[in-house]
C-alpha cells in the first residue's frame, strides 16, 4: 500500500486504486490518462489503456492495486518506460505519454505501445512480488522474458529476438518464444512472475 501526503498539491493515480483517505480530498477522472482528447485518441489507437484520476486536497491518501508490491522510482528529468498495467501513481507534475515498442507488445497482447513517464518527481510502479532492478551496461546486455518485464529507464535500446526459454528447454513451451534484449546504459525492472501471453509460453 502506498501512503501519499497531499498538502494542497495533486497526485495522479490509476482509477479505482484509492483504498482510504483522511482529511479533505477531491477526486477527478482524467480522460485518456490526463492528456486530453489527443491522449485519449492515441491510447485508443495504440491499445495502451490507462484510466487515471487526479487527487487533490489536504490529508493522506492510500493507494493499492490487488495487493501488488509497490516500487518508487525517482525521476530527475529522465524518462521511464512502463507497462500501463504496472503504473500506480505519479506526482502531478510528471508527464505521461505513449511510445512505440514493436513486437514485444504483440507477444504480450498489451498492444504495440508502452506508457512513458517523464519529468521531475516520483512514480509508483507495481509488481507481482518484489521487483528486481537489473543494470544494463555496454559490456553486459540484458535479456528479459516479456511476461516478467515491468519498466526501464536510462540510455537503453531494446530489440526483440526469438530464442529458447527455460520452459521450452523443459519441453513445456507452447510455441516460438520471444525475448527482449536491452543494450546501453540504464536500469530494467522485472518481477518474479510472468503475465499471461498470447504467443506461447515466453
N, C-alpha and C. Protein backbone atom coordinates (compact mmCIF):
# COMPACT_ATOMS: atom_id res chain seq x y z
N UNK A 1 0.84 -1.18 0.00
CA UNK A 1 0.00 0.00 0.00
C UNK A 1 0.89 1.24 0.00
N UNK A 2 0.46 2.25 -0.75
CA UNK A 2 1.21 3.50 -0.87
C UNK A 2 0.46 4.61 -0.16
N UNK A 3 1.10 5.25 0.82
CA UNK A 3 0.51 6.38 1.53
C UNK A 3 1.11 7.67 0.97
N UNK A 4 0.25 8.57 0.51
CA UNK A 4 0.70 9.83 -0.08
C UNK A 4 0.16 10.99 0.74
N UNK A 5 1.06 11.84 1.22
CA UNK A 5 0.64 13.05 1.91
C UNK A 5 0.31 14.11 0.87
N UNK A 6 -0.93 14.50 0.82
CA UNK A 6 -1.40 15.50 -0.14
C UNK A 6 -1.59 16.81 0.63
N UNK A 7 -0.82 17.82 0.30
CA UNK A 7 -0.87 19.09 1.03
C UNK A 7 -1.14 20.24 0.06
N UNK A 8 -2.34 20.24 -0.49
CA UNK A 8 -2.70 21.31 -1.41
C UNK A 8 -2.28 21.06 -2.84
N UNK A 9 -1.40 20.08 -3.08
CA UNK A 9 -1.00 19.76 -4.44
C UNK A 9 -1.84 18.58 -4.93
N UNK A 10 -1.37 17.91 -5.97
CA UNK A 10 -2.17 16.83 -6.56
C UNK A 10 -1.28 15.63 -6.85
N UNK A 11 -1.93 14.48 -6.98
CA UNK A 11 -1.26 13.26 -7.40
C UNK A 11 -2.17 12.59 -8.43
N UNK A 12 -1.56 11.97 -9.44
CA UNK A 12 -2.31 11.21 -10.43
C UNK A 12 -2.16 9.73 -10.11
N UNK A 13 -3.27 9.01 -10.16
CA UNK A 13 -3.23 7.58 -9.79
C UNK A 13 -4.17 6.79 -10.68
N UNK A 14 -3.92 5.48 -10.75
CA UNK A 14 -4.78 4.58 -11.50
C UNK A 14 -6.20 4.69 -10.96
N UNK A 15 -7.15 4.81 -11.86
CA UNK A 15 -8.54 4.94 -11.45
C UNK A 15 -8.97 3.74 -10.60
N UNK A 16 -9.58 4.02 -9.45
CA UNK A 16 -10.06 2.97 -8.58
C UNK A 16 -9.04 2.42 -7.61
N UNK A 17 -7.82 3.01 -7.58
CA UNK A 17 -6.77 2.46 -6.72
C UNK A 17 -6.79 3.05 -5.31
N UNK A 18 -7.62 4.06 -5.04
CA UNK A 18 -7.71 4.62 -3.71
C UNK A 18 -8.42 3.64 -2.79
N UNK A 19 -7.80 3.34 -1.64
CA UNK A 19 -8.42 2.41 -0.69
C UNK A 19 -8.85 3.12 0.59
N UNK A 20 -8.28 4.28 0.90
CA UNK A 20 -8.67 5.04 2.10
C UNK A 20 -8.06 6.43 2.02
N UNK A 21 -8.65 7.37 2.77
CA UNK A 21 -8.04 8.69 2.91
C UNK A 21 -8.56 9.36 4.17
N UNK A 22 -7.78 10.32 4.67
CA UNK A 22 -8.27 11.17 5.73
C UNK A 22 -8.12 12.62 5.28
N UNK A 23 -8.77 13.53 6.00
CA UNK A 23 -8.74 14.93 5.59
C UNK A 23 -9.79 15.22 4.53
N UNK A 24 -9.51 16.23 3.71
CA UNK A 24 -10.43 16.65 2.65
C UNK A 24 -9.80 16.35 1.30
N UNK A 25 -10.45 15.49 0.52
CA UNK A 25 -9.92 15.09 -0.78
C UNK A 25 -10.98 15.26 -1.87
N UNK A 26 -10.52 15.60 -3.06
CA UNK A 26 -11.39 15.68 -4.23
C UNK A 26 -10.80 14.79 -5.31
N UNK A 27 -11.66 14.01 -5.96
CA UNK A 27 -11.23 13.05 -6.97
C UNK A 27 -11.84 13.43 -8.31
N UNK A 28 -11.00 13.43 -9.36
CA UNK A 28 -11.47 13.79 -10.69
C UNK A 28 -10.90 12.82 -11.70
N UNK A 29 -11.78 12.19 -12.49
CA UNK A 29 -11.32 11.27 -13.54
C UNK A 29 -10.75 12.08 -14.69
N UNK A 30 -9.58 11.66 -15.17
CA UNK A 30 -8.92 12.33 -16.28
C UNK A 30 -9.07 11.49 -17.54
N UNK A 31 -9.53 12.11 -18.60
CA UNK A 31 -9.73 11.39 -19.87
C UNK A 31 -8.38 11.10 -20.52
N UNK A 32 -8.24 9.85 -21.00
CA UNK A 32 -7.05 9.49 -21.78
C UNK A 32 -5.76 9.61 -21.03
N UNK A 33 -5.77 9.32 -19.73
CA UNK A 33 -4.53 9.37 -18.98
C UNK A 33 -4.11 10.77 -18.63
N UNK A 34 -5.04 11.74 -18.69
CA UNK A 34 -4.72 13.10 -18.30
C UNK A 34 -4.13 13.92 -19.42
N UNK A 35 -4.25 13.46 -20.66
CA UNK A 35 -3.66 14.18 -21.78
C UNK A 35 -4.70 14.75 -22.72
N UNK A 36 -5.95 14.81 -22.28
CA UNK A 36 -6.99 15.40 -23.11
C UNK A 36 -7.40 14.50 -24.26
N UNK A 37 -8.07 15.12 -25.22
CA UNK A 37 -8.61 14.36 -26.36
C UNK A 37 -7.51 13.69 -27.16
N UNK A 38 -6.41 14.39 -27.40
CA UNK A 38 -5.33 13.81 -28.18
C UNK A 38 -4.78 12.55 -27.52
N UNK A 39 -4.56 12.62 -26.19
CA UNK A 39 -4.06 11.46 -25.48
C UNK A 39 -5.05 10.32 -25.51
N UNK A 40 -6.34 10.65 -25.40
CA UNK A 40 -7.38 9.62 -25.39
C UNK A 40 -7.41 8.90 -26.74
N UNK A 41 -7.32 9.67 -27.84
CA UNK A 41 -7.35 9.08 -29.18
C UNK A 41 -6.10 8.22 -29.39
N UNK A 42 -4.93 8.73 -28.96
CA UNK A 42 -3.70 7.97 -29.12
C UNK A 42 -3.79 6.64 -28.40
N UNK A 43 -4.29 6.66 -27.18
CA UNK A 43 -4.37 5.42 -26.41
C UNK A 43 -5.38 4.45 -27.02
N UNK A 44 -6.46 4.99 -27.56
CA UNK A 44 -7.46 4.12 -28.18
C UNK A 44 -6.87 3.44 -29.42
N UNK A 45 -6.07 4.18 -30.19
CA UNK A 45 -5.47 3.62 -31.39
C UNK A 45 -4.38 2.61 -31.07
N UNK A 46 -3.61 2.87 -30.01
CA UNK A 46 -2.48 2.01 -29.69
C UNK A 46 -2.85 0.83 -28.83
N UNK A 47 -3.99 0.89 -28.16
CA UNK A 47 -4.38 -0.20 -27.28
C UNK A 47 -3.72 -0.13 -25.92
N UNK A 48 -2.97 0.92 -25.65
CA UNK A 48 -2.33 1.07 -24.34
C UNK A 48 -3.31 1.81 -23.44
N UNK A 49 -4.18 1.06 -22.77
CA UNK A 49 -5.27 1.64 -22.00
C UNK A 49 -4.81 1.98 -20.58
N UNK A 50 -5.11 3.21 -20.14
CA UNK A 50 -4.80 3.62 -18.79
C UNK A 50 -5.79 4.69 -18.37
N UNK A 51 -6.63 4.40 -17.38
CA UNK A 51 -7.58 5.37 -16.87
C UNK A 51 -7.03 5.94 -15.59
N UNK A 52 -6.94 7.27 -15.53
CA UNK A 52 -6.25 7.95 -14.44
C UNK A 52 -7.21 8.89 -13.73
N UNK A 53 -7.01 9.04 -12.41
CA UNK A 53 -7.75 10.04 -11.65
C UNK A 53 -6.76 10.99 -11.00
N UNK A 54 -7.22 12.22 -10.79
CA UNK A 54 -6.42 13.22 -10.10
C UNK A 54 -6.98 13.40 -8.70
N UNK A 55 -6.09 13.39 -7.72
CA UNK A 55 -6.49 13.54 -6.32
C UNK A 55 -5.88 14.83 -5.78
N UNK A 56 -6.74 15.71 -5.27
CA UNK A 56 -6.29 16.98 -4.67
C UNK A 56 -6.88 17.12 -3.27
N UNK A 57 -6.20 17.88 -2.43
CA UNK A 57 -6.76 18.16 -1.13
C UNK A 57 -5.72 18.32 -0.05
N UNK A 58 -6.16 18.07 1.19
CA UNK A 58 -5.30 18.15 2.36
C UNK A 58 -5.51 16.88 3.18
N UNK A 59 -4.44 16.13 3.39
CA UNK A 59 -4.55 14.91 4.18
C UNK A 59 -3.66 13.81 3.61
N UNK A 60 -4.00 12.59 3.92
CA UNK A 60 -3.24 11.42 3.45
C UNK A 60 -4.18 10.51 2.66
N UNK A 61 -3.69 10.04 1.53
CA UNK A 61 -4.47 9.13 0.69
C UNK A 61 -3.66 7.85 0.51
N UNK A 62 -4.35 6.71 0.63
CA UNK A 62 -3.69 5.41 0.49
C UNK A 62 -4.14 4.75 -0.81
N UNK A 63 -3.16 4.22 -1.58
CA UNK A 63 -3.42 3.58 -2.86
C UNK A 63 -2.90 2.14 -2.84
N UNK A 64 -3.59 1.26 -3.56
CA UNK A 64 -3.15 -0.12 -3.70
C UNK A 64 -3.79 -0.70 -4.95
N UNK A 65 -3.22 -1.81 -5.44
CA UNK A 65 -3.76 -2.48 -6.62
C UNK A 65 -3.55 -3.98 -6.47
N UNK A 66 -4.59 -4.71 -6.07
CA UNK A 66 -4.58 -6.16 -5.96
C UNK A 66 -3.43 -6.70 -5.11
N UNK A 67 -3.11 -5.98 -4.04
CA UNK A 67 -2.05 -6.39 -3.10
C UNK A 67 -0.68 -6.52 -3.77
N UNK A 68 -0.48 -5.82 -4.89
CA UNK A 68 0.81 -5.86 -5.58
C UNK A 68 1.87 -5.14 -4.76
N UNK A 69 3.13 -5.53 -4.97
CA UNK A 69 4.25 -4.79 -4.39
C UNK A 69 4.32 -3.43 -5.07
N UNK A 70 4.77 -2.41 -4.33
CA UNK A 70 4.87 -1.06 -4.86
C UNK A 70 6.32 -0.61 -4.81
N UNK A 71 6.80 -0.07 -5.92
CA UNK A 71 8.19 0.36 -6.05
C UNK A 71 8.20 1.83 -6.45
N UNK A 72 8.96 2.65 -5.73
CA UNK A 72 9.06 4.08 -6.04
C UNK A 72 10.26 4.33 -6.93
N UNK A 73 10.04 5.07 -8.01
CA UNK A 73 11.11 5.41 -8.96
C UNK A 73 11.25 6.93 -8.97
N UNK A 74 12.45 7.42 -8.69
CA UNK A 74 12.72 8.86 -8.69
C UNK A 74 13.19 9.27 -10.08
N UNK A 75 12.49 10.23 -10.68
CA UNK A 75 12.87 10.74 -11.99
C UNK A 75 13.45 12.15 -11.83
N UNK A 76 14.56 12.39 -12.50
CA UNK A 76 15.22 13.69 -12.44
C UNK A 76 15.40 14.23 -13.85
N UNK A 77 14.26 14.43 -14.50
CA UNK A 77 14.29 14.94 -15.87
C UNK A 77 14.41 13.85 -16.91
N UNK A 78 14.52 12.59 -16.48
CA UNK A 78 14.65 11.49 -17.43
C UNK A 78 13.28 10.87 -17.69
N UNK A 79 13.28 9.80 -18.47
CA UNK A 79 12.02 9.17 -18.90
C UNK A 79 11.98 7.72 -18.43
N UNK A 80 10.81 7.32 -17.95
CA UNK A 80 10.57 5.94 -17.53
C UNK A 80 9.59 5.32 -18.51
N UNK A 81 9.92 4.13 -19.02
CA UNK A 81 9.03 3.36 -19.88
C UNK A 81 8.42 2.26 -19.02
N UNK A 82 7.10 2.20 -18.93
CA UNK A 82 6.46 1.27 -18.01
C UNK A 82 5.18 0.72 -18.63
N UNK A 83 4.90 -0.56 -18.38
CA UNK A 83 3.63 -1.14 -18.81
C UNK A 83 2.50 -0.41 -18.09
N UNK A 84 1.46 -0.02 -18.82
CA UNK A 84 0.38 0.77 -18.21
C UNK A 84 -0.26 0.03 -17.04
N UNK A 85 -0.34 -1.29 -17.11
CA UNK A 85 -0.94 -2.06 -16.03
C UNK A 85 -0.11 -2.03 -14.76
N UNK A 86 1.17 -1.62 -14.86
CA UNK A 86 2.06 -1.57 -13.70
C UNK A 86 2.26 -0.16 -13.16
N UNK A 87 1.60 0.84 -13.74
CA UNK A 87 1.75 2.21 -13.26
C UNK A 87 0.64 2.52 -12.27
N UNK A 88 1.00 2.76 -11.00
CA UNK A 88 0.01 3.00 -9.96
C UNK A 88 -0.27 4.48 -9.75
N UNK A 89 0.79 5.29 -9.62
CA UNK A 89 0.60 6.72 -9.32
C UNK A 89 1.84 7.50 -9.71
N UNK A 90 1.65 8.80 -9.94
CA UNK A 90 2.77 9.70 -10.23
C UNK A 90 2.51 11.04 -9.57
N UNK A 91 3.59 11.77 -9.33
CA UNK A 91 3.44 13.16 -8.95
C UNK A 91 2.71 13.88 -10.08
N UNK A 92 1.90 14.89 -9.72
CA UNK A 92 1.09 15.57 -10.72
C UNK A 92 1.93 16.25 -11.80
N UNK A 93 3.15 16.65 -11.46
CA UNK A 93 3.99 17.36 -12.41
C UNK A 93 4.64 16.48 -13.46
N UNK A 94 4.58 15.17 -13.29
CA UNK A 94 5.17 14.27 -14.28
C UNK A 94 4.24 14.13 -15.49
N UNK A 95 4.83 14.11 -16.68
CA UNK A 95 4.06 13.98 -17.91
C UNK A 95 4.00 12.51 -18.32
N UNK A 96 2.82 12.09 -18.79
CA UNK A 96 2.67 10.72 -19.28
C UNK A 96 2.37 10.75 -20.78
N UNK A 97 2.77 9.69 -21.46
CA UNK A 97 2.53 9.59 -22.90
C UNK A 97 2.60 8.13 -23.32
N UNK A 98 2.72 7.92 -24.62
CA UNK A 98 2.86 6.57 -25.16
C UNK A 98 4.06 6.52 -26.10
N UNK A 99 4.66 5.34 -26.20
CA UNK A 99 5.83 5.17 -27.05
C UNK A 99 5.73 3.83 -27.75
N UNK A 100 6.12 3.79 -29.03
CA UNK A 100 6.10 2.55 -29.80
C UNK A 100 7.20 1.62 -29.32
N UNK A 101 6.87 0.35 -29.10
CA UNK A 101 7.86 -0.61 -28.61
C UNK A 101 8.03 -1.81 -29.52
N UNK A 102 7.22 -1.94 -30.55
CA UNK A 102 7.44 -3.01 -31.51
C UNK A 102 6.81 -4.32 -31.12
N UNK A 103 7.50 -5.40 -31.45
CA UNK A 103 6.92 -6.74 -31.36
C UNK A 103 6.59 -7.21 -29.96
N UNK A 104 7.26 -6.66 -28.95
CA UNK A 104 7.03 -7.15 -27.60
C UNK A 104 5.56 -7.05 -27.21
N UNK A 105 4.92 -5.93 -27.62
CA UNK A 105 3.51 -5.76 -27.29
C UNK A 105 2.66 -6.86 -27.91
N UNK A 106 2.99 -7.26 -29.13
CA UNK A 106 2.23 -8.32 -29.78
C UNK A 106 2.41 -9.63 -29.04
N UNK A 107 3.59 -9.84 -28.49
CA UNK A 107 3.85 -11.06 -27.73
C UNK A 107 2.99 -11.10 -26.47
N UNK A 108 2.86 -9.94 -25.80
CA UNK A 108 2.13 -9.89 -24.55
C UNK A 108 0.64 -9.72 -24.72
N UNK A 109 0.23 -9.20 -25.85
CA UNK A 109 -1.17 -8.88 -26.02
C UNK A 109 -1.53 -7.56 -25.40
N UNK A 110 -0.54 -6.73 -25.07
CA UNK A 110 -0.79 -5.42 -24.48
C UNK A 110 -0.69 -4.30 -25.51
N UNK A 111 -0.72 -4.62 -26.80
CA UNK A 111 -0.59 -3.60 -27.81
C UNK A 111 0.87 -3.39 -28.18
N UNK A 112 1.12 -2.52 -29.17
CA UNK A 112 2.47 -2.28 -29.64
C UNK A 112 3.10 -1.06 -28.99
N UNK A 113 2.48 -0.51 -27.96
CA UNK A 113 2.96 0.70 -27.33
C UNK A 113 3.08 0.49 -25.82
N UNK A 114 3.90 1.33 -25.19
CA UNK A 114 4.02 1.30 -23.74
C UNK A 114 3.88 2.73 -23.22
N UNK A 115 3.64 2.88 -21.94
CA UNK A 115 3.43 4.18 -21.33
C UNK A 115 4.77 4.80 -20.95
N UNK A 116 4.91 6.11 -21.14
CA UNK A 116 6.11 6.83 -20.73
C UNK A 116 5.74 7.82 -19.63
N UNK A 117 6.66 8.00 -18.71
CA UNK A 117 6.53 8.99 -17.64
C UNK A 117 7.82 9.78 -17.62
N UNK A 118 7.74 11.12 -17.65
CA UNK A 118 8.98 11.91 -17.66
C UNK A 118 8.81 13.21 -16.89
N UNK A 119 9.95 13.75 -16.45
CA UNK A 119 9.96 14.99 -15.69
C UNK A 119 10.72 14.82 -14.39
N UNK A 120 10.36 15.64 -13.41
CA UNK A 120 10.99 15.58 -12.09
C UNK A 120 9.94 15.19 -11.06
N UNK A 121 10.20 14.11 -10.34
CA UNK A 121 9.26 13.65 -9.32
C UNK A 121 9.33 12.14 -9.17
N UNK A 122 8.35 11.59 -8.47
CA UNK A 122 8.32 10.16 -8.21
C UNK A 122 7.16 9.48 -8.92
N UNK A 123 7.42 8.26 -9.38
CA UNK A 123 6.38 7.41 -9.95
C UNK A 123 6.34 6.12 -9.14
N UNK A 124 5.14 5.62 -8.89
CA UNK A 124 4.97 4.36 -8.17
C UNK A 124 4.56 3.29 -9.17
N UNK A 125 5.35 2.23 -9.28
CA UNK A 125 5.03 1.14 -10.18
C UNK A 125 4.81 -0.13 -9.36
N UNK A 126 3.94 -1.01 -9.86
CA UNK A 126 3.60 -2.22 -9.13
C UNK A 126 4.29 -3.43 -9.76
N UNK A 127 4.40 -4.48 -8.96
CA UNK A 127 4.96 -5.73 -9.45
C UNK A 127 4.31 -6.88 -8.72
N UNK A 128 4.24 -8.03 -9.37
CA UNK A 128 3.71 -9.25 -8.77
C UNK A 128 4.86 -9.92 -8.03
N UNK A 129 5.03 -9.59 -6.77
CA UNK A 129 6.19 -10.00 -6.00
C UNK A 129 7.21 -8.88 -6.01
N UNK A 130 8.24 -8.96 -5.15
CA UNK A 130 9.25 -7.90 -5.07
C UNK A 130 9.98 -7.72 -6.40
N UNK A 131 9.99 -6.50 -6.91
CA UNK A 131 10.67 -6.23 -8.18
C UNK A 131 12.18 -6.29 -8.00
N UNK A 132 12.86 -6.68 -9.04
CA UNK A 132 14.31 -6.68 -9.07
C UNK A 132 14.76 -5.64 -10.10
N UNK A 133 15.72 -4.81 -9.71
CA UNK A 133 16.25 -3.79 -10.62
C UNK A 133 17.59 -4.29 -11.15
N UNK A 134 17.66 -4.48 -12.45
CA UNK A 134 18.87 -5.02 -13.09
C UNK A 134 19.53 -3.93 -13.93
N UNK A 135 20.84 -3.84 -13.82
CA UNK A 135 21.58 -2.82 -14.56
C UNK A 135 22.00 -3.35 -15.93
N UNK A 136 21.86 -2.49 -16.92
CA UNK A 136 22.33 -2.78 -18.27
C UNK A 136 23.55 -1.90 -18.53
N UNK A 137 24.63 -2.46 -19.00
CA UNK A 137 25.83 -1.69 -19.34
C UNK A 137 26.30 -2.09 -20.73
N UNK A 138 27.15 -1.28 -21.36
CA UNK A 138 27.63 -1.63 -22.70
C UNK A 138 28.29 -3.01 -22.75
N UNK A 139 28.94 -3.41 -21.64
CA UNK A 139 29.62 -4.71 -21.62
C UNK A 139 28.65 -5.85 -21.34
N UNK A 140 27.52 -5.55 -20.68
CA UNK A 140 26.61 -6.60 -20.26
C UNK A 140 25.18 -6.29 -20.69
N UNK A 141 24.79 -6.66 -21.92
CA UNK A 141 23.39 -6.53 -22.33
C UNK A 141 22.53 -7.47 -21.50
N UNK A 142 21.24 -7.22 -21.49
CA UNK A 142 20.32 -7.99 -20.66
C UNK A 142 19.20 -8.55 -21.51
N UNK A 143 18.86 -9.83 -21.30
CA UNK A 143 17.74 -10.48 -21.98
C UNK A 143 16.64 -10.71 -20.96
N UNK A 144 15.41 -10.29 -21.29
CA UNK A 144 14.30 -10.36 -20.33
C UNK A 144 13.10 -11.06 -20.97
N UNK A 145 12.43 -11.89 -20.19
CA UNK A 145 11.19 -12.51 -20.61
C UNK A 145 10.11 -11.43 -20.66
N UNK A 146 9.36 -11.29 -21.75
CA UNK A 146 8.34 -10.23 -21.86
C UNK A 146 7.30 -10.28 -20.74
N UNK A 147 6.97 -11.47 -20.26
CA UNK A 147 5.97 -11.57 -19.22
C UNK A 147 6.44 -11.08 -17.87
N UNK A 148 7.76 -10.98 -17.68
CA UNK A 148 8.32 -10.52 -16.41
C UNK A 148 8.74 -9.06 -16.45
N UNK A 149 8.77 -8.47 -17.64
CA UNK A 149 9.20 -7.07 -17.79
C UNK A 149 8.17 -6.11 -17.20
N UNK A 150 8.66 -5.10 -16.45
CA UNK A 150 7.79 -4.07 -15.90
C UNK A 150 8.09 -2.71 -16.51
N UNK A 151 9.37 -2.32 -16.44
CA UNK A 151 9.74 -0.97 -16.85
C UNK A 151 11.23 -0.89 -17.11
N UNK A 152 11.66 0.23 -17.75
CA UNK A 152 13.09 0.50 -17.87
C UNK A 152 13.31 2.00 -17.99
N UNK A 153 14.53 2.42 -17.70
CA UNK A 153 14.90 3.82 -17.82
C UNK A 153 16.38 3.92 -18.14
N UNK A 154 16.78 5.09 -18.64
CA UNK A 154 18.17 5.32 -19.00
C UNK A 154 18.38 5.31 -20.49
N UNK A 155 19.64 5.32 -20.89
CA UNK A 155 20.01 5.31 -22.31
C UNK A 155 20.07 3.86 -22.77
N UNK A 156 18.88 3.29 -22.97
CA UNK A 156 18.76 1.86 -23.25
C UNK A 156 18.05 1.65 -24.58
N UNK A 157 18.59 0.78 -25.41
CA UNK A 157 17.95 0.38 -26.65
C UNK A 157 17.37 -1.02 -26.46
N UNK A 158 16.18 -1.24 -27.01
CA UNK A 158 15.61 -2.58 -26.90
C UNK A 158 15.35 -3.16 -28.28
N UNK A 159 15.56 -4.44 -28.38
CA UNK A 159 15.27 -5.17 -29.62
C UNK A 159 14.60 -6.48 -29.21
N UNK A 160 14.09 -7.18 -30.21
CA UNK A 160 13.30 -8.37 -29.93
C UNK A 160 13.89 -9.55 -30.68
N UNK A 161 13.98 -10.66 -30.01
CA UNK A 161 14.58 -11.84 -30.61
C UNK A 161 13.79 -13.07 -30.20
N UNK A 162 13.83 -14.07 -31.05
CA UNK A 162 13.23 -15.35 -30.69
C UNK A 162 14.34 -16.22 -30.14
N UNK A 163 14.00 -17.08 -29.23
CA UNK A 163 15.02 -17.92 -28.62
C UNK A 163 14.40 -18.98 -27.75
N UNK A 164 15.24 -19.74 -27.10
CA UNK A 164 14.80 -20.84 -26.25
C UNK A 164 14.75 -20.36 -24.81
N UNK A 165 13.61 -20.50 -24.18
CA UNK A 165 13.48 -20.17 -22.77
C UNK A 165 13.64 -21.44 -21.94
N UNK A 166 13.72 -21.27 -20.64
CA UNK A 166 13.85 -22.42 -19.75
C UNK A 166 12.65 -23.35 -19.91
N UNK A 167 11.45 -22.77 -20.05
CA UNK A 167 10.25 -23.62 -20.20
C UNK A 167 10.31 -24.43 -21.49
N UNK A 168 10.76 -23.79 -22.56
CA UNK A 168 10.88 -24.51 -23.82
C UNK A 168 11.90 -25.64 -23.68
N UNK A 169 12.99 -25.34 -22.99
CA UNK A 169 14.04 -26.34 -22.78
C UNK A 169 13.49 -27.54 -22.01
N UNK A 170 12.57 -27.30 -21.08
CA UNK A 170 11.99 -28.38 -20.28
C UNK A 170 10.83 -29.07 -21.00
N UNK A 171 10.56 -28.65 -22.24
CA UNK A 171 9.51 -29.29 -23.01
C UNK A 171 8.12 -28.77 -22.70
N UNK A 172 8.03 -27.58 -22.05
CA UNK A 172 6.73 -27.04 -21.69
C UNK A 172 6.33 -25.87 -22.60
N UNK A 173 7.16 -25.54 -23.55
CA UNK A 173 6.87 -24.40 -24.42
C UNK A 173 5.66 -24.66 -25.29
N UNK A 174 4.92 -23.58 -25.58
CA UNK A 174 3.72 -23.73 -26.39
C UNK A 174 3.87 -23.13 -27.77
N UNK A 175 5.09 -22.76 -28.17
CA UNK A 175 5.27 -22.13 -29.47
C UNK A 175 6.59 -21.38 -29.49
N UNK A 176 6.76 -20.53 -30.50
CA UNK A 176 8.00 -19.77 -30.61
C UNK A 176 8.09 -18.77 -29.47
N UNK A 177 9.24 -18.69 -28.82
CA UNK A 177 9.43 -17.81 -27.67
C UNK A 177 10.10 -16.52 -28.12
N UNK A 178 9.63 -15.40 -27.57
CA UNK A 178 10.22 -14.10 -27.84
C UNK A 178 10.83 -13.55 -26.57
N UNK A 179 11.92 -12.83 -26.73
CA UNK A 179 12.61 -12.21 -25.61
C UNK A 179 12.93 -10.77 -25.95
N UNK A 180 13.11 -9.95 -24.91
CA UNK A 180 13.50 -8.55 -25.11
C UNK A 180 14.98 -8.44 -24.77
N UNK A 181 15.75 -7.84 -25.67
CA UNK A 181 17.18 -7.62 -25.44
C UNK A 181 17.41 -6.13 -25.19
N UNK A 182 18.03 -5.81 -24.06
CA UNK A 182 18.33 -4.43 -23.70
C UNK A 182 19.83 -4.21 -23.81
N UNK A 183 20.21 -3.11 -24.47
CA UNK A 183 21.61 -2.74 -24.61
C UNK A 183 21.76 -1.27 -24.28
N UNK A 184 22.95 -0.89 -23.81
CA UNK A 184 23.20 0.51 -23.50
C UNK A 184 23.59 0.68 -22.05
N UNK A 185 23.01 1.70 -21.41
CA UNK A 185 23.35 2.01 -20.03
C UNK A 185 22.09 2.46 -19.30
N UNK A 186 21.58 1.64 -18.40
CA UNK A 186 20.36 2.01 -17.70
C UNK A 186 19.90 0.91 -16.77
N UNK A 187 18.63 0.98 -16.39
CA UNK A 187 18.04 0.04 -15.44
C UNK A 187 16.80 -0.61 -16.04
N UNK A 188 16.59 -1.88 -15.72
CA UNK A 188 15.40 -2.61 -16.15
C UNK A 188 14.76 -3.22 -14.91
N UNK A 189 13.45 -3.03 -14.78
CA UNK A 189 12.69 -3.56 -13.64
C UNK A 189 11.95 -4.82 -14.09
N UNK A 190 12.16 -5.91 -13.35
CA UNK A 190 11.49 -7.16 -13.67
C UNK A 190 10.80 -7.69 -12.41
N UNK A 191 9.77 -8.50 -12.61
CA UNK A 191 9.04 -9.08 -11.48
C UNK A 191 9.25 -10.60 -11.46
N UNK A 192 9.16 -11.22 -10.27
CA UNK A 192 9.37 -12.67 -10.17
C UNK A 192 8.10 -13.45 -10.50
N UNK A 193 7.45 -13.04 -11.57
CA UNK A 193 6.21 -13.66 -12.01
C UNK A 193 6.03 -13.31 -13.47
N UNK A 194 5.21 -14.09 -14.18
CA UNK A 194 5.01 -13.83 -15.60
C UNK A 194 3.54 -13.59 -15.89
N UNK A 195 3.28 -12.53 -16.66
CA UNK A 195 1.92 -12.30 -17.14
C UNK A 195 1.57 -13.34 -18.19
N UNK A 196 0.28 -13.58 -18.40
CA UNK A 196 -0.16 -14.47 -19.47
C UNK A 196 0.16 -13.83 -20.81
N UNK A 197 0.61 -14.63 -21.75
CA UNK A 197 0.94 -14.13 -23.09
C UNK A 197 0.12 -14.88 -24.12
N UNK A 198 0.12 -14.36 -25.36
CA UNK A 198 -0.66 -14.99 -26.41
C UNK A 198 0.23 -15.61 -27.48
N UNK A 199 1.54 -15.62 -27.22
CA UNK A 199 2.46 -16.19 -28.22
C UNK A 199 3.16 -17.41 -27.65
N UNK A 200 2.43 -18.23 -26.93
CA UNK A 200 3.03 -19.39 -26.32
C UNK A 200 3.63 -19.02 -24.98
N UNK A 201 4.31 -19.95 -24.37
CA UNK A 201 4.96 -19.68 -23.08
C UNK A 201 6.25 -18.98 -23.35
N UNK A 202 6.29 -17.67 -23.06
CA UNK A 202 7.51 -16.91 -23.35
C UNK A 202 8.25 -16.60 -22.06
